[in-house]
Amino acid sequence: MNLVGKERTEPVLVFHRVGQEYFLAQIWAGGGPTGRALPPSPLEKELAQSGAAPSLAAVRVALHR
């Protein structure tokens, strides 16, 4: 999932799923095309190298104001 350059109106968290584990990969605050990418953790790299199939999951975040 590539959200780079796309206008985001709502906050979104993007996770990498490797095997049965989820790792936070991107944070999008909403209100613009700017987000933050996080580097893979040592465990995420280890699981990926062991042959676990990676996938992505995006979660919309509801903010209560």
Protein backbone atom coordinates (compact mmCIF):
# COMPACT_ATOMS: atom_id res chain seq x y z
CA MET A 1 0.00 0.00 0.00
CA ASN A 2 1.47 3.29 -1.05
CA LEU A 3 -0.21 6.38 0.34
CA VAL A 4 2.63 8.73 -0.63
CA GLY A 5 1.41 11.83 -2.45
CA LYS A 6 -2.25 11.07 -1.82
CA GLU A 7 -4.34 13.57 0.12
CA ARG A 8 -5.50 11.94 3.37
CA THR A 9 -8.53 13.41 5.11
CA GLU A 10 -8.57 10.91 7.97
CA PRO A 11 -5.77 9.45 10.09
CA VAL A 12 -4.52 6.03 8.97
CA LEU A 13 -2.08 3.53 10.47
CA VAL A 14 -0.45 1.06 8.06
CA PHE A 15 0.91 -2.22 9.38
CA HIS A 16 3.10 -4.87 7.78
CA ARG A 17 1.89 -8.36 8.60
CA VAL A 18 4.64 -10.97 8.58
CA GLY A 19 3.43 -14.43 9.50
CA GLN A 20 1.07 -13.89 12.44
CA GLU A 21 2.76 -10.68 13.66
CA TYR A 22 1.83 -7.06 12.83
CA PHE A 23 4.39 -4.25 12.68
CA LEU A 24 3.57 -0.53 12.48
CA ALA A 25 5.00 0.71 9.17
CA GLN A 26 3.38 4.10 8.38
CA ILE A 27 1.53 6.85 10.27
CA TRP A 28 -0.75 9.29 8.41
CA ALA A 29 -2.23 12.09 10.53
CA GLY A 30 -4.76 13.17 7.88
CA GLY A 31 -5.35 16.61 6.45
CA GLY A 32 -2.59 16.33 3.86
CA PRO A 33 -0.32 14.16 1.75
CA THR A 34 2.40 13.83 4.41
CA GLY A 35 2.94 10.73 6.52
CA ARG A 36 5.76 9.01 8.36
CA ALA A 37 7.35 5.68 7.50
CA LEU A 38 8.96 3.58 10.22
CA PRO A 39 11.93 1.31 9.55
CA PRO A 40 11.44 -2.45 9.96
CA SER A 41 12.28 -3.78 13.41
CA PRO A 42 14.88 -6.51 13.87
CA LEU A 43 12.10 -9.05 14.54
CA GLU A 44 10.22 -8.01 11.39
CA LYS A 45 13.39 -8.46 9.33
CA GLU A 46 14.08 -11.83 10.94
CA LEU A 47 10.58 -13.13 10.24
CA ALA A 48 10.71 -11.89 6.64
CA GLN A 49 14.06 -13.60 6.08
CA SER A 50 12.68 -16.86 7.51
CA GLY A 51 10.22 -17.02 4.60
CA ALA A 52 7.03 -15.73 6.27
CA ALA A 53 4.80 -14.13 3.63
CA PRO A 54 4.46 -10.34 4.17
CA SER A 55 1.22 -8.43 3.58
CA LEU A 56 -0.22 -4.99 4.45
CA ALA A 57 -3.15 -3.85 6.56
CA ALA A 58 -4.43 -0.27 6.85
CA VAL A 59 -6.49 0.84 9.83
CA ARG A 60 -8.49 4.07 9.92
CA VAL A 61 -8.14 5.85 13.22
CA ALA A 62 -11.17 7.46 14.87
CA LEU A 63 -10.24 10.52 16.92
CA HIS A 64 -12.60 11.68 19.64
CA ARG A 65 -12.47 15.40 20.14
